[in-house]
Amino acid sequence: MVVHHNECMHALVFVLGDKVDDQLRPLLRKEIDFYVIGGRWSGILPKRKRDGTIKGVDSLRAGEIAWEETLADLEQKAKAAFAEWQQICDRHGRPKSRLEISRELGLDTGRCGRYPPEVYAIYREQPALLAYDEAHPDDIYCPINRFGFDEEEYLRGVLDGRLTPHALVVAGKWIEQPFSLDPEPQWSATVRDRLLSIHPDTRVTAVDVHF
């Protein structure tokens, strides 16, 4: 998971093992500029408590990760969200992406991949997007980019991304996902297999890393 804030890039990193600071300090000015435990991903790790409830934490033992419960709950919510989006598209017609509109108008993207203003104007005025914005006025994300039009593909991306960091730190070694403009299912599987195969007492800590 990576997000951009002004000129700073934040990435979710999982540190495996104890002595988190000792593992991360040697990486400063080599792989990272700054880090904070949790940060904008505070509570992302679902911990299975003894009473059967789930609590979001920044650090836990690998054996405490509530995989089954978390993914089942996430799948249920994702299916409901996609069903709502599908109903909007069924009522108002499938909206066109910015790329489709740009191609129809014979326009090219500018620097940094931005589209001409007329593309954005046509894009936002599509009935399906207006209906979605009315139902979710505080949602700043584009539903086409978020949901797409294939439920199976959307669900797979949501479930794969739930516990997929940008990188792992193991014994002080930085292991980063292969570069890709699209979500990398193989990296999600690599992380999941690693977390499921390590000793259940191994500590896993979520860290907000700044580049």
N, C-alpha and C. Protein backbone atom coordinates (compact mmCIF):
# COMPACT_ATOMS: atom_id res chain seq x y z
N MET A 1 0.84 -1.19 0.00
CA MET A 1 0.00 0.00 0.00
C MET A 1 0.88 1.25 0.00
N VAL A 2 0.62 2.14 -0.93
CA VAL A 2 1.39 3.37 -1.06
C VAL A 2 0.44 4.53 -1.29
N VAL A 3 0.66 5.64 -0.59
CA VAL A 3 -0.13 6.85 -0.82
C VAL A 3 0.82 8.02 -0.96
N HIS A 4 0.40 9.04 -1.72
CA HIS A 4 1.21 10.24 -1.92
C HIS A 4 0.58 11.40 -1.16
N HIS A 5 1.40 12.16 -0.46
CA HIS A 5 0.93 13.35 0.24
C HIS A 5 1.89 14.48 -0.07
N ASN A 6 1.41 15.43 -0.92
CA ASN A 6 2.28 16.50 -1.41
C ASN A 6 3.52 15.87 -2.06
N GLU A 7 4.71 16.18 -1.57
CA GLU A 7 5.92 15.63 -2.17
C GLU A 7 6.41 14.38 -1.47
N CYS A 8 5.67 13.93 -0.43
CA CYS A 8 6.11 12.80 0.37
C CYS A 8 5.31 11.56 -0.01
N MET A 9 5.99 10.42 -0.09
CA MET A 9 5.32 9.17 -0.36
C MET A 9 5.32 8.33 0.91
N HIS A 10 4.14 7.86 1.29
CA HIS A 10 4.01 7.00 2.46
C HIS A 10 3.78 5.57 1.99
N ALA A 11 4.44 4.61 2.62
CA ALA A 11 4.25 3.22 2.26
C ALA A 11 4.08 2.38 3.52
N LEU A 12 3.20 1.39 3.41
CA LEU A 12 3.01 0.44 4.51
C LEU A 12 4.09 -0.63 4.41
N VAL A 13 4.79 -0.86 5.51
CA VAL A 13 5.84 -1.87 5.56
C VAL A 13 5.59 -2.76 6.78
N PHE A 14 5.77 -4.05 6.61
CA PHE A 14 5.69 -4.98 7.74
C PHE A 14 7.10 -5.37 8.15
N VAL A 15 7.40 -5.17 9.42
CA VAL A 15 8.68 -5.60 9.97
C VAL A 15 8.45 -6.92 10.71
N LEU A 16 9.19 -7.96 10.33
CA LEU A 16 9.04 -9.26 10.96
C LEU A 16 10.16 -9.48 11.97
N GLY A 17 9.76 -9.78 13.20
CA GLY A 17 10.74 -10.00 14.25
C GLY A 17 10.75 -8.88 15.27
N ASP A 18 11.45 -9.12 16.36
CA ASP A 18 11.55 -8.12 17.43
C ASP A 18 12.58 -7.04 17.07
N LYS A 19 12.78 -6.10 18.00
CA LYS A 19 13.75 -5.02 17.83
C LYS A 19 13.50 -4.27 16.51
N VAL A 20 12.31 -3.74 16.40
CA VAL A 20 11.89 -3.06 15.18
C VAL A 20 12.80 -1.89 14.85
N ASP A 21 13.07 -1.05 15.85
CA ASP A 21 13.94 0.11 15.61
C ASP A 21 15.34 -0.31 15.16
N ASP A 22 15.87 -1.36 15.76
CA ASP A 22 17.21 -1.83 15.39
C ASP A 22 17.24 -2.31 13.94
N GLN A 23 16.11 -2.83 13.45
CA GLN A 23 16.05 -3.29 12.06
C GLN A 23 15.90 -2.14 11.08
N LEU A 24 15.20 -1.09 11.51
CA LEU A 24 14.89 0.01 10.59
C LEU A 24 15.96 1.09 10.54
N ARG A 25 16.64 1.35 11.65
CA ARG A 25 17.61 2.45 11.67
C ARG A 25 18.68 2.33 10.57
N PRO A 26 19.24 1.13 10.33
CA PRO A 26 20.25 1.03 9.26
C PRO A 26 19.70 1.32 7.87
N LEU A 27 18.36 1.29 7.71
CA LEU A 27 17.76 1.54 6.41
C LEU A 27 17.52 3.03 6.15
N LEU A 28 17.65 3.85 7.20
CA LEU A 28 17.46 5.29 7.03
C LEU A 28 18.53 5.84 6.08
N ARG A 29 18.05 6.69 5.16
CA ARG A 29 18.88 7.32 4.13
C ARG A 29 19.41 6.31 3.10
N LYS A 30 19.02 5.04 3.25
CA LYS A 30 19.34 4.05 2.23
C LYS A 30 18.06 3.68 1.47
N GLU A 31 17.09 3.17 2.21
CA GLU A 31 15.80 2.80 1.61
C GLU A 31 14.69 3.77 1.98
N ILE A 32 14.81 4.40 3.16
CA ILE A 32 13.72 5.24 3.67
C ILE A 32 14.27 6.54 4.26
N ASP A 33 13.38 7.54 4.37
CA ASP A 33 13.77 8.81 4.96
C ASP A 33 13.34 8.93 6.42
N PHE A 34 12.19 8.33 6.73
CA PHE A 34 11.64 8.45 8.08
C PHE A 34 10.62 7.35 8.26
N TYR A 35 10.31 7.00 9.50
CA TYR A 35 9.29 5.98 9.73
C TYR A 35 8.62 6.21 11.08
N VAL A 36 7.40 5.69 11.20
CA VAL A 36 6.68 5.73 12.46
C VAL A 36 5.83 4.47 12.54
N ILE A 37 5.81 3.84 13.66
CA ILE A 37 5.01 2.62 13.84
C ILE A 37 3.52 2.98 13.76
N GLY A 38 2.80 2.26 12.94
CA GLY A 38 1.37 2.53 12.77
C GLY A 38 1.15 3.67 11.79
N GLY A 39 1.24 4.88 12.28
CA GLY A 39 1.03 6.05 11.43
C GLY A 39 -0.34 6.04 10.78
N ARG A 40 -0.40 6.35 9.49
CA ARG A 40 -1.69 6.39 8.81
C ARG A 40 -2.29 5.00 8.64
N TRP A 41 -1.53 3.96 8.96
CA TRP A 41 -2.06 2.59 8.92
C TRP A 41 -2.24 2.02 10.32
N SER A 42 -2.41 2.91 11.29
CA SER A 42 -2.58 2.46 12.68
C SER A 42 -3.80 1.54 12.79
N GLY A 43 -3.60 0.39 13.42
CA GLY A 43 -4.70 -0.55 13.63
C GLY A 43 -4.99 -1.45 12.46
N ILE A 44 -4.11 -1.51 11.47
CA ILE A 44 -4.40 -2.29 10.27
C ILE A 44 -4.29 -3.79 10.50
N LEU A 45 -3.55 -4.21 11.52
CA LEU A 45 -3.37 -5.64 11.77
C LEU A 45 -4.49 -6.17 12.66
N PRO A 46 -5.28 -7.14 12.17
CA PRO A 46 -6.40 -7.67 12.94
C PRO A 46 -5.96 -8.75 13.92
N LYS A 47 -6.06 -8.44 15.21
CA LYS A 47 -5.62 -9.39 16.24
C LYS A 47 -6.80 -10.17 16.79
N ARG A 48 -6.64 -11.49 16.83
CA ARG A 48 -7.66 -12.37 17.40
C ARG A 48 -7.42 -12.45 18.91
N LYS A 49 -8.36 -11.91 19.69
CA LYS A 49 -8.22 -11.93 21.14
C LYS A 49 -8.75 -13.25 21.70
N ARG A 50 -8.43 -13.51 22.97
CA ARG A 50 -8.82 -14.78 23.58
C ARG A 50 -10.32 -14.95 23.69
N ASP A 51 -11.05 -13.82 23.77
CA ASP A 51 -12.51 -13.91 23.89
C ASP A 51 -13.19 -14.05 22.52
N GLY A 52 -12.38 -14.17 21.45
CA GLY A 52 -12.94 -14.38 20.13
C GLY A 52 -13.19 -13.11 19.35
N THR A 53 -13.03 -11.95 19.96
CA THR A 53 -13.24 -10.68 19.27
C THR A 53 -11.97 -10.29 18.50
N ILE A 54 -12.13 -9.36 17.58
CA ILE A 54 -11.02 -8.90 16.75
C ILE A 54 -10.71 -7.44 17.09
N LYS A 55 -9.42 -7.14 17.26
CA LYS A 55 -9.00 -5.78 17.56
C LYS A 55 -7.91 -5.35 16.58
N GLY A 56 -8.02 -4.13 16.05
CA GLY A 56 -7.00 -3.61 15.15
C GLY A 56 -5.82 -3.08 15.95
N VAL A 57 -4.63 -3.58 15.64
CA VAL A 57 -3.42 -3.18 16.37
C VAL A 57 -2.30 -2.85 15.39
N ASP A 58 -1.21 -2.30 15.91
CA ASP A 58 -0.05 -1.98 15.07
C ASP A 58 0.99 -3.10 15.09
N SER A 59 0.92 -3.95 16.12
CA SER A 59 1.92 -5.01 16.25
C SER A 59 1.29 -6.22 16.95
N LEU A 60 1.65 -7.42 16.48
CA LEU A 60 1.12 -8.64 17.09
C LEU A 60 2.02 -9.81 16.72
N ARG A 61 1.69 -10.98 17.25
CA ARG A 61 2.39 -12.20 16.87
C ARG A 61 1.71 -12.77 15.63
N ALA A 62 2.49 -13.40 14.76
CA ALA A 62 1.94 -13.91 13.50
C ALA A 62 0.75 -14.84 13.72
N GLY A 63 0.82 -15.63 14.79
CA GLY A 63 -0.26 -16.57 15.08
C GLY A 63 -1.53 -15.90 15.56
N GLU A 64 -1.47 -14.61 15.86
CA GLU A 64 -2.65 -13.89 16.35
C GLU A 64 -3.42 -13.20 15.22
N ILE A 65 -2.89 -13.23 13.99
CA ILE A 65 -3.56 -12.57 12.88
C ILE A 65 -4.87 -13.30 12.56
N ALA A 66 -5.97 -12.57 12.60
CA ALA A 66 -7.29 -13.16 12.36
C ALA A 66 -7.59 -13.18 10.87
N TRP A 67 -6.93 -14.06 10.14
CA TRP A 67 -7.08 -14.12 8.70
C TRP A 67 -8.51 -14.42 8.29
N GLU A 68 -9.03 -15.56 8.76
CA GLU A 68 -10.33 -16.04 8.31
C GLU A 68 -11.44 -15.04 8.58
N GLU A 69 -11.53 -14.57 9.83
CA GLU A 69 -12.60 -13.65 10.21
C GLU A 69 -12.51 -12.34 9.43
N THR A 70 -11.30 -11.81 9.31
CA THR A 70 -11.10 -10.52 8.65
C THR A 70 -11.46 -10.58 7.17
N LEU A 71 -11.00 -11.62 6.49
CA LEU A 71 -11.26 -11.72 5.05
C LEU A 71 -12.73 -12.02 4.77
N ALA A 72 -13.36 -12.81 5.65
CA ALA A 72 -14.79 -13.10 5.46
C ALA A 72 -15.62 -11.83 5.62
N ASP A 73 -15.29 -11.03 6.63
CA ASP A 73 -16.02 -9.77 6.86
C ASP A 73 -15.77 -8.80 5.72
N LEU A 74 -14.51 -8.74 5.26
CA LEU A 74 -14.15 -7.83 4.18
C LEU A 74 -14.86 -8.22 2.88
N GLU A 75 -14.93 -9.51 2.60
CA GLU A 75 -15.60 -9.98 1.38
C GLU A 75 -17.09 -9.61 1.39
N GLN A 76 -17.72 -9.77 2.56
CA GLN A 76 -19.13 -9.44 2.68
C GLN A 76 -19.38 -7.95 2.40
N LYS A 77 -18.55 -7.10 2.99
CA LYS A 77 -18.70 -5.66 2.79
C LYS A 77 -18.38 -5.26 1.35
N ALA A 78 -17.36 -5.90 0.77
CA ALA A 78 -16.97 -5.58 -0.61
C ALA A 78 -18.08 -5.98 -1.59
N LYS A 79 -18.71 -7.11 -1.35
CA LYS A 79 -19.81 -7.55 -2.22
C LYS A 79 -20.99 -6.57 -2.14
N ALA A 80 -21.27 -6.09 -0.94
CA ALA A 80 -22.37 -5.14 -0.78
C ALA A 80 -22.06 -3.82 -1.48
N ALA A 81 -20.81 -3.36 -1.37
CA ALA A 81 -20.42 -2.11 -2.01
C ALA A 81 -20.48 -2.23 -3.53
N PHE A 82 -20.01 -3.37 -4.06
CA PHE A 82 -20.03 -3.55 -5.52
C PHE A 82 -21.47 -3.67 -6.02
N ALA A 83 -22.33 -4.34 -5.24
CA ALA A 83 -23.73 -4.49 -5.65
C ALA A 83 -24.41 -3.13 -5.77
N GLU A 84 -24.09 -2.22 -4.84
CA GLU A 84 -24.66 -0.87 -4.91
C GLU A 84 -24.17 -0.15 -6.18
N TRP A 85 -22.88 -0.26 -6.47
CA TRP A 85 -22.30 0.36 -7.66
C TRP A 85 -22.93 -0.24 -8.92
N GLN A 86 -23.13 -1.55 -8.93
CA GLN A 86 -23.72 -2.21 -10.08
C GLN A 86 -25.16 -1.74 -10.31
N GLN A 87 -25.90 -1.55 -9.23
CA GLN A 87 -27.28 -1.06 -9.33
C GLN A 87 -27.32 0.34 -9.92
N ILE A 88 -26.37 1.17 -9.51
CA ILE A 88 -26.29 2.54 -10.06
C ILE A 88 -26.01 2.48 -11.55
N CYS A 89 -25.09 1.61 -11.97
CA CYS A 89 -24.76 1.48 -13.39
C CYS A 89 -25.93 0.92 -14.18
N ASP A 90 -26.67 -0.01 -13.58
CA ASP A 90 -27.84 -0.58 -14.26
C ASP A 90 -28.92 0.47 -14.47
N ARG A 91 -29.07 1.36 -13.49
CA ARG A 91 -30.11 2.40 -13.59
C ARG A 91 -29.72 3.53 -14.52
N HIS A 92 -28.44 3.92 -14.49
CA HIS A 92 -28.01 5.13 -15.20
C HIS A 92 -27.11 4.87 -16.40
N GLY A 93 -26.80 3.62 -16.65
CA GLY A 93 -25.91 3.30 -17.76
C GLY A 93 -24.46 3.24 -17.30
N ARG A 94 -23.70 2.42 -17.96
CA ARG A 94 -22.29 2.27 -17.59
C ARG A 94 -21.50 3.53 -17.96
N PRO A 95 -20.85 4.16 -17.00
CA PRO A 95 -20.09 5.38 -17.31
C PRO A 95 -18.79 5.08 -18.04
N LYS A 96 -18.31 6.06 -18.78
CA LYS A 96 -17.05 5.92 -19.49
C LYS A 96 -15.90 6.43 -18.62
N SER A 97 -14.77 5.80 -18.77
CA SER A 97 -13.59 6.24 -18.03
C SER A 97 -13.03 7.51 -18.67
N ARG A 98 -12.15 8.18 -17.98
CA ARG A 98 -11.52 9.38 -18.53
C ARG A 98 -10.71 9.05 -19.79
N LEU A 99 -10.08 7.86 -19.79
CA LEU A 99 -9.31 7.45 -20.96
C LEU A 99 -10.23 7.25 -22.17
N GLU A 100 -11.38 6.62 -21.97
CA GLU A 100 -12.32 6.40 -23.07
C GLU A 100 -12.81 7.73 -23.64
N ILE A 101 -13.14 8.66 -22.75
CA ILE A 101 -13.63 9.97 -23.19
C ILE A 101 -12.54 10.71 -23.95
N SER A 102 -11.32 10.65 -23.44
CA SER A 102 -10.20 11.34 -24.08
C SER A 102 -9.97 10.80 -25.49
N ARG A 103 -10.06 9.49 -25.64
CA ARG A 103 -9.85 8.89 -26.96
C ARG A 103 -10.96 9.27 -27.92
N GLU A 104 -12.21 9.31 -27.41
CA GLU A 104 -13.34 9.69 -28.27
C GLU A 104 -13.20 11.13 -28.77
N LEU A 105 -12.63 12.00 -27.92
CA LEU A 105 -12.44 13.40 -28.30
C LEU A 105 -11.16 13.63 -29.10
N GLY A 106 -10.34 12.59 -29.20
CA GLY A 106 -9.09 12.72 -29.92
C GLY A 106 -8.07 13.56 -29.18
N LEU A 107 -8.12 13.53 -27.85
CA LEU A 107 -7.22 14.33 -27.03
C LEU A 107 -6.16 13.45 -26.36
N ASP A 108 -5.04 14.04 -26.08
CA ASP A 108 -3.95 13.34 -25.40
C ASP A 108 -3.82 13.84 -23.97
N THR A 109 -3.25 13.02 -23.12
CA THR A 109 -2.99 13.45 -21.76
C THR A 109 -1.80 14.41 -21.74
N GLY A 110 -1.80 15.27 -20.75
CA GLY A 110 -0.70 16.21 -20.61
C GLY A 110 0.41 15.63 -19.78
N ARG A 111 1.23 16.48 -19.25
CA ARG A 111 2.32 16.04 -18.39
C ARG A 111 1.76 15.38 -17.15
N CYS A 112 2.44 14.36 -16.64
CA CYS A 112 2.03 13.63 -15.43
C CYS A 112 0.69 12.90 -15.64
N GLY A 113 0.30 12.69 -16.90
CA GLY A 113 -0.88 11.90 -17.16
C GLY A 113 -2.21 12.60 -16.92
N ARG A 114 -2.21 13.92 -16.80
CA ARG A 114 -3.46 14.63 -16.57
C ARG A 114 -4.19 14.84 -17.89
N TYR A 115 -5.52 14.79 -17.81
CA TYR A 115 -6.35 14.96 -18.99
C TYR A 115 -6.73 16.43 -19.16
N PRO A 116 -7.09 16.83 -20.37
CA PRO A 116 -7.57 18.20 -20.60
C PRO A 116 -8.84 18.45 -19.77
N PRO A 117 -9.11 19.71 -19.41
CA PRO A 117 -10.27 20.04 -18.56
C PRO A 117 -11.61 19.54 -19.10
N GLU A 118 -11.77 19.57 -20.44
CA GLU A 118 -13.06 19.14 -20.99
C GLU A 118 -13.34 17.66 -20.74
N VAL A 119 -12.27 16.87 -20.62
CA VAL A 119 -12.44 15.45 -20.33
C VAL A 119 -13.02 15.27 -18.93
N TYR A 120 -12.45 16.00 -17.97
CA TYR A 120 -12.94 15.90 -16.58
C TYR A 120 -14.38 16.38 -16.48
N ALA A 121 -14.72 17.43 -17.22
CA ALA A 121 -16.08 17.98 -17.17
C ALA A 121 -17.10 16.95 -17.66
N ILE A 122 -16.82 16.34 -18.80
CA ILE A 122 -17.73 15.32 -19.34
C ILE A 122 -17.79 14.10 -18.42
N TYR A 123 -16.65 13.73 -17.92
CA TYR A 123 -16.54 12.55 -17.06
C TYR A 123 -17.42 12.67 -15.82
N ARG A 124 -17.31 13.79 -15.11
CA ARG A 124 -18.02 13.95 -13.85
C ARG A 124 -19.52 14.15 -14.03
N GLU A 125 -19.95 14.56 -15.21
CA GLU A 125 -21.36 14.82 -15.45
C GLU A 125 -22.13 13.58 -15.92
N GLN A 126 -21.51 12.47 -15.98
CA GLN A 126 -22.20 11.25 -16.36
C GLN A 126 -23.20 10.86 -15.26
N PRO A 127 -24.42 10.46 -15.64
CA PRO A 127 -25.47 10.19 -14.65
C PRO A 127 -25.07 9.20 -13.55
N ALA A 128 -24.35 8.15 -13.91
CA ALA A 128 -23.96 7.15 -12.91
C ALA A 128 -23.02 7.76 -11.87
N LEU A 129 -22.09 8.60 -12.31
CA LEU A 129 -21.15 9.21 -11.37
C LEU A 129 -21.84 10.26 -10.51
N LEU A 130 -22.79 10.99 -11.09
CA LEU A 130 -23.56 11.96 -10.30
C LEU A 130 -24.37 11.24 -9.23
N ALA A 131 -24.95 10.10 -9.59
CA ALA A 131 -25.74 9.33 -8.63
C ALA A 131 -24.86 8.78 -7.51
N TYR A 132 -23.66 8.33 -7.87
CA TYR A 132 -22.75 7.80 -6.85
C TYR A 132 -22.29 8.92 -5.92
N ASP A 133 -21.96 10.08 -6.50
CA ASP A 133 -21.52 11.21 -5.68
C ASP A 133 -22.62 11.66 -4.73
N GLU A 134 -23.86 11.60 -5.18
CA GLU A 134 -24.97 12.00 -4.32
C GLU A 134 -25.13 11.03 -3.16
N ALA A 135 -24.92 9.75 -3.42
CA ALA A 135 -25.04 8.73 -2.38
C ALA A 135 -23.84 8.73 -1.44
N HIS A 136 -22.68 9.17 -1.94
CA HIS A 136 -21.44 9.15 -1.13
C HIS A 136 -20.71 10.49 -1.28
N PRO A 137 -21.27 11.56 -0.73
CA PRO A 137 -20.69 12.90 -0.92
C PRO A 137 -19.29 13.07 -0.34
N ASP A 138 -18.93 12.23 0.63
CA ASP A 138 -17.61 12.37 1.26
C ASP A 138 -16.55 11.45 0.67
N ASP A 139 -16.94 10.68 -0.33
CA ASP A 139 -16.01 9.75 -0.96
C ASP A 139 -15.24 10.48 -2.06
N ILE A 140 -13.94 10.64 -1.87
CA ILE A 140 -13.15 11.41 -2.82
C ILE A 140 -12.59 10.54 -3.96
N TYR A 141 -12.80 9.22 -3.86
CA TYR A 141 -12.21 8.32 -4.84
C TYR A 141 -13.15 8.03 -6.00
N CYS A 142 -12.59 7.79 -7.15
CA CYS A 142 -13.38 7.51 -8.36
C CYS A 142 -13.93 6.09 -8.29
N PRO A 143 -15.25 5.92 -8.38
CA PRO A 143 -15.81 4.56 -8.30
C PRO A 143 -15.40 3.66 -9.46
N ILE A 144 -15.14 4.25 -10.64
CA ILE A 144 -14.68 3.42 -11.77
C ILE A 144 -13.32 2.81 -11.45
N ASN A 145 -12.43 3.63 -10.91
CA ASN A 145 -11.10 3.12 -10.54
C ASN A 145 -11.18 2.15 -9.37
N ARG A 146 -12.09 2.42 -8.45
CA ARG A 146 -12.20 1.57 -7.26
C ARG A 146 -12.85 0.23 -7.58
N PHE A 147 -14.01 0.25 -8.24
CA PHE A 147 -14.78 -0.96 -8.45
C PHE A 147 -14.55 -1.62 -9.82
N GLY A 148 -14.34 -0.79 -10.86
CA GLY A 148 -14.31 -1.35 -12.20
C GLY A 148 -15.70 -1.88 -12.55
N PHE A 149 -15.76 -2.90 -13.39
CA PHE A 149 -17.05 -3.46 -13.79
C PHE A 149 -17.07 -4.98 -13.70
N ASP A 150 -16.06 -5.54 -13.05
CA ASP A 150 -15.96 -7.00 -12.89
C ASP A 150 -15.91 -7.31 -11.39
N GLU A 151 -16.98 -7.87 -10.86
CA GLU A 151 -17.05 -8.12 -9.43
C GLU A 151 -15.96 -9.05 -8.95
N GLU A 152 -15.70 -10.11 -9.68
CA GLU A 152 -14.69 -11.08 -9.26
C GLU A 152 -13.32 -10.45 -9.17
N GLU A 153 -12.98 -9.64 -10.17
CA GLU A 153 -11.68 -8.96 -10.18
C GLU A 153 -11.59 -7.96 -9.03
N TYR A 154 -12.69 -7.23 -8.77
CA TYR A 154 -12.71 -6.27 -7.67
C TYR A 154 -12.52 -6.97 -6.33
N LEU A 155 -13.25 -8.06 -6.10
CA LEU A 155 -13.15 -8.78 -4.83
C LEU A 155 -11.75 -9.34 -4.63
N ARG A 156 -11.16 -9.87 -5.69
CA ARG A 156 -9.82 -10.43 -5.59
C ARG A 156 -8.81 -9.35 -5.18
N GLY A 157 -8.95 -8.17 -5.78
CA GLY A 157 -8.04 -7.07 -5.44
C GLY A 157 -8.22 -6.60 -4.02
N VAL A 158 -9.47 -6.53 -3.56
CA VAL A 158 -9.74 -6.10 -2.18
C VAL A 158 -9.15 -7.08 -1.18
N LEU A 159 -9.39 -8.36 -1.39
CA LEU A 159 -8.91 -9.37 -0.46
C LEU A 159 -7.39 -9.48 -0.48
N ASP A 160 -6.81 -9.42 -1.68
CA ASP A 160 -5.35 -9.50 -1.79
C ASP A 160 -4.68 -8.31 -1.10
N GLY A 161 -5.32 -7.14 -1.21
CA GLY A 161 -4.69 -5.93 -0.70
C GLY A 161 -4.86 -5.70 0.78
N ARG A 162 -5.73 -6.47 1.44
CA ARG A 162 -6.03 -6.20 2.86
C ARG A 162 -4.79 -6.25 3.74
N LEU A 163 -3.94 -7.23 3.56
CA LEU A 163 -2.73 -7.34 4.38
C LEU A 163 -1.50 -7.43 3.48
N THR A 164 -1.45 -6.55 2.49
CA THR A 164 -0.32 -6.53 1.57
C THR A 164 0.44 -5.21 1.70
N PRO A 165 1.62 -5.24 2.29
CA PRO A 165 2.42 -4.02 2.42
C PRO A 165 3.22 -3.74 1.16
N HIS A 166 3.83 -2.56 1.12
CA HIS A 166 4.72 -2.22 0.01
C HIS A 166 6.01 -3.02 0.10
N ALA A 167 6.43 -3.32 1.33
CA ALA A 167 7.69 -4.05 1.51
C ALA A 167 7.66 -4.80 2.84
N LEU A 168 8.56 -5.77 2.95
CA LEU A 168 8.80 -6.48 4.20
C LEU A 168 10.22 -6.17 4.66
N VAL A 169 10.41 -6.13 5.96
CA VAL A 169 11.76 -6.04 6.52
C VAL A 169 11.96 -7.29 7.37
N VAL A 170 12.92 -8.12 6.96
CA VAL A 170 13.16 -9.39 7.63
C VAL A 170 14.63 -9.46 8.01
N ALA A 171 14.89 -9.56 9.32
CA ALA A 171 16.27 -9.57 9.81
C ALA A 171 17.05 -8.36 9.30
N GLY A 172 16.37 -7.21 9.23
CA GLY A 172 17.00 -5.98 8.79
C GLY A 172 17.12 -5.84 7.29
N LYS A 173 16.65 -6.83 6.53
CA LYS A 173 16.76 -6.79 5.07
C LYS A 173 15.46 -6.26 4.47
N TRP A 174 15.59 -5.31 3.54
CA TRP A 174 14.45 -4.70 2.87
C TRP A 174 14.06 -5.56 1.66
N ILE A 175 12.80 -6.06 1.66
CA ILE A 175 12.30 -6.88 0.55
C ILE A 175 11.09 -6.16 -0.03
N GLU A 176 11.24 -5.61 -1.22
CA GLU A 176 10.21 -4.76 -1.82
C GLU A 176 9.47 -5.48 -2.92
N GLN A 177 8.18 -5.15 -3.08
CA GLN A 177 7.41 -5.74 -4.16
C GLN A 177 7.98 -5.32 -5.51
N PRO A 178 7.86 -6.18 -6.52
CA PRO A 178 8.32 -5.80 -7.87
C PRO A 178 7.55 -4.59 -8.36
N PHE A 179 8.21 -3.70 -9.09
CA PHE A 179 7.53 -2.50 -9.59
C PHE A 179 6.46 -2.89 -10.59
N SER A 180 5.27 -2.30 -10.43
CA SER A 180 4.17 -2.53 -11.35
C SER A 180 3.18 -1.40 -11.22
N LEU A 181 2.59 -0.98 -12.34
CA LEU A 181 1.56 0.06 -12.30
C LEU A 181 0.23 -0.51 -11.85
N ASP A 182 0.09 -1.82 -11.87
CA ASP A 182 -1.13 -2.49 -11.46
C ASP A 182 -0.86 -3.30 -10.20
N PRO A 183 -1.91 -3.62 -9.43
CA PRO A 183 -1.73 -4.48 -8.26
C PRO A 183 -1.04 -5.78 -8.67
N GLU A 184 -0.15 -6.26 -7.84
CA GLU A 184 0.64 -7.44 -8.16
C GLU A 184 0.17 -8.62 -7.32
N PRO A 185 -0.71 -9.49 -7.87
CA PRO A 185 -1.23 -10.62 -7.11
C PRO A 185 -0.13 -11.52 -6.56
N GLN A 186 0.95 -11.67 -7.31
CA GLN A 186 2.02 -12.56 -6.88
C GLN A 186 2.68 -12.03 -5.60
N TRP A 187 2.82 -10.71 -5.50
CA TRP A 187 3.40 -10.14 -4.29
C TRP A 187 2.47 -10.35 -3.11
N SER A 188 1.17 -10.19 -3.29
CA SER A 188 0.21 -10.43 -2.22
C SER A 188 0.32 -11.87 -1.73
N ALA A 189 0.44 -12.80 -2.67
CA ALA A 189 0.57 -14.22 -2.30
C ALA A 189 1.88 -14.47 -1.57
N THR A 190 2.95 -13.80 -2.00
CA THR A 190 4.26 -13.96 -1.35
C THR A 190 4.20 -13.51 0.10
N VAL A 191 3.57 -12.35 0.33
CA VAL A 191 3.44 -11.84 1.70
C VAL A 191 2.59 -12.77 2.54
N ARG A 192 1.44 -13.18 2.00
CA ARG A 192 0.54 -14.05 2.74
C ARG A 192 1.23 -15.37 3.11
N ASP A 193 1.94 -15.95 2.15
CA ASP A 193 2.64 -17.21 2.42
C ASP A 193 3.71 -17.03 3.48
N ARG A 194 4.40 -15.90 3.43
CA ARG A 194 5.46 -15.64 4.42
C ARG A 194 4.86 -15.51 5.82
N LEU A 195 3.77 -14.76 5.94
CA LEU A 195 3.15 -14.54 7.25
C LEU A 195 2.53 -15.82 7.81
N LEU A 196 2.07 -16.69 6.92
CA LEU A 196 1.46 -17.93 7.37
C LEU A 196 2.51 -19.01 7.69
N SER A 197 3.70 -18.87 7.14
CA SER A 197 4.71 -19.91 7.30
C SER A 197 5.70 -19.64 8.44
N ILE A 198 5.81 -18.39 8.87
CA ILE A 198 6.77 -18.09 9.95
C ILE A 198 6.26 -18.63 11.27
N HIS A 199 7.13 -18.71 12.24
CA HIS A 199 6.75 -19.20 13.57
C HIS A 199 5.64 -18.31 14.13
N PRO A 200 4.60 -18.91 14.70
CA PRO A 200 3.47 -18.10 15.19
C PRO A 200 3.83 -17.08 16.26
N ASP A 201 4.97 -17.23 16.91
CA ASP A 201 5.38 -16.26 17.93
C ASP A 201 6.18 -15.09 17.34
N THR A 202 6.45 -15.13 16.04
CA THR A 202 7.20 -14.05 15.39
C THR A 202 6.38 -12.77 15.40
N ARG A 203 6.99 -11.68 15.84
CA ARG A 203 6.27 -10.42 15.88
C ARG A 203 6.17 -9.79 14.49
N VAL A 204 4.99 -9.25 14.19
CA VAL A 204 4.74 -8.54 12.94
C VAL A 204 4.32 -7.12 13.29
N THR A 205 5.00 -6.12 12.78
CA THR A 205 4.73 -4.73 13.12
C THR A 205 4.48 -3.92 11.85
N ALA A 206 3.39 -3.18 11.86
CA ALA A 206 3.05 -2.30 10.72
C ALA A 206 3.72 -0.95 10.91
N VAL A 207 4.42 -0.50 9.88
CA VAL A 207 5.19 0.74 9.95
C VAL A 207 4.82 1.64 8.78
N ASP A 208 4.60 2.92 9.07
CA ASP A 208 4.36 3.94 8.05
C ASP A 208 5.72 4.51 7.68
N VAL A 209 6.17 4.19 6.47
CA VAL A 209 7.50 4.61 6.01
C VAL A 209 7.36 5.78 5.05
N HIS A 210 8.22 6.78 5.20
CA HIS A 210 8.22 7.96 4.33
C HIS A 210 9.43 7.89 3.42
N PHE A 211 9.20 8.25 2.14
CA PHE A 211 10.31 8.30 1.17
C PHE A 211 10.56 9.75 0.77
